Amino acid sequence: KKSPMRNLKAASIDKHGSELRLSFTGDGFLYNMVRILTGTLLLVGTDQMRPEEMPVILSARDRSKAGPGR
């Protein structure tokens, strides 16, 4: 059985005109992982979640603590 552990090595957000581009680098990604990360960052960016909550969410290893993945 494969391990569900993945290492996120970098995340960046760049603005190109009116468009935001998110990039994620890691050793692999689980199903919907990038969508979930993006949804959580959108909550932070729209003041629906505090940036300080991100490390707590990541260390909790509990999907229900993160933002939407759709």
Protein backbone atom coordinates (compact mmCIF):
# COMPACT_ATOMS: atom_id res chain seq x y z
CA LYS A 1 0.00 0.00 0.00
CA LYS A 2 1.41 3.39 -0.99
CA SER A 3 1.92 6.04 1.65
CA PRO A 4 -0.42 9.07 1.51
CA MET A 5 2.40 11.30 2.75
CA ARG A 6 3.50 13.97 0.26
CA ASN A 7 6.01 16.76 0.74
CA LEU A 8 5.06 20.21 -0.47
CA LYS A 9 8.39 21.87 -1.19
CA ALA A 10 7.23 25.26 -2.49
CA ALA A 11 4.14 27.28 -3.28
CA SER A 12 4.05 30.61 -5.07
CA ILE A 13 1.47 33.11 -6.25
CA ASP A 14 2.25 35.44 -9.14
CA LYS A 15 0.09 38.18 -10.61
CA HIS A 16 -0.08 38.48 -14.39
CA GLY A 17 -2.40 41.35 -15.26
CA SER A 18 -5.75 40.55 -13.68
CA GLU A 19 -4.85 36.88 -13.34
CA LEU A 20 -3.30 35.09 -10.37
CA ARG A 21 -1.15 32.03 -11.03
CA LEU A 22 -0.52 29.54 -8.27
CA SER A 23 2.36 27.07 -8.56
CA PHE A 24 3.02 24.11 -6.31
CA THR A 25 6.17 21.99 -6.22
CA GLY A 26 6.35 18.71 -4.37
CA ASP A 27 7.38 15.08 -4.52
CA GLY A 28 3.89 14.09 -5.67
CA PHE A 29 0.30 15.08 -5.14
CA LEU A 30 -2.75 13.25 -3.89
CA TYR A 31 -6.12 13.36 -5.63
CA ASN A 32 -7.53 16.93 -5.34
CA MET A 33 -4.56 18.02 -3.18
CA VAL A 34 -3.77 21.09 -5.31
CA ARG A 35 -7.46 22.05 -5.45
CA ILE A 36 -7.71 21.82 -1.66
CA LEU A 37 -4.56 23.90 -1.16
CA THR A 38 -5.85 26.48 -3.65
CA GLY A 39 -9.28 26.60 -2.01
CA THR A 40 -7.69 27.15 1.40
CA LEU A 41 -5.45 29.93 0.07
CA LEU A 42 -8.51 31.58 -1.51
CA LEU A 43 -10.19 31.61 1.90
CA VAL A 44 -7.11 33.32 3.34
CA GLY A 45 -7.00 35.80 0.45
CA THR A 46 -10.64 36.75 0.91
CA ASP A 47 -10.29 37.17 4.71
CA GLN A 48 -12.44 34.14 5.49
CA MET A 49 -9.50 32.47 7.20
CA ARG A 50 -6.41 33.89 8.95
CA PRO A 51 -2.97 33.19 7.43
CA GLU A 52 -1.82 31.94 10.85
CA GLU A 53 -4.25 29.02 10.49
CA MET A 54 -2.32 27.48 7.56
CA PRO A 55 0.42 25.75 9.63
CA VAL A 56 -2.24 24.44 12.02
CA ILE A 57 -4.28 23.04 9.13
CA LEU A 58 -1.26 21.39 7.53
CA SER A 59 -0.03 19.83 10.77
CA ALA A 60 -3.52 18.59 11.71
CA ARG A 61 -3.49 16.21 8.71
CA ASP A 62 -7.27 16.47 8.71
CA ARG A 63 -8.89 17.28 5.36
CA SER A 64 -11.99 18.74 7.05
CA LYS A 65 -9.87 21.59 8.48
CA ALA A 66 -8.93 22.86 4.99
CA GLY A 67 -10.86 24.88 2.44
CA PRO A 68 -13.01 23.59 -0.42
CA GLY A 69 -11.45 21.38 -3.05
CA ARG A 70 -13.87 22.09 -5.88
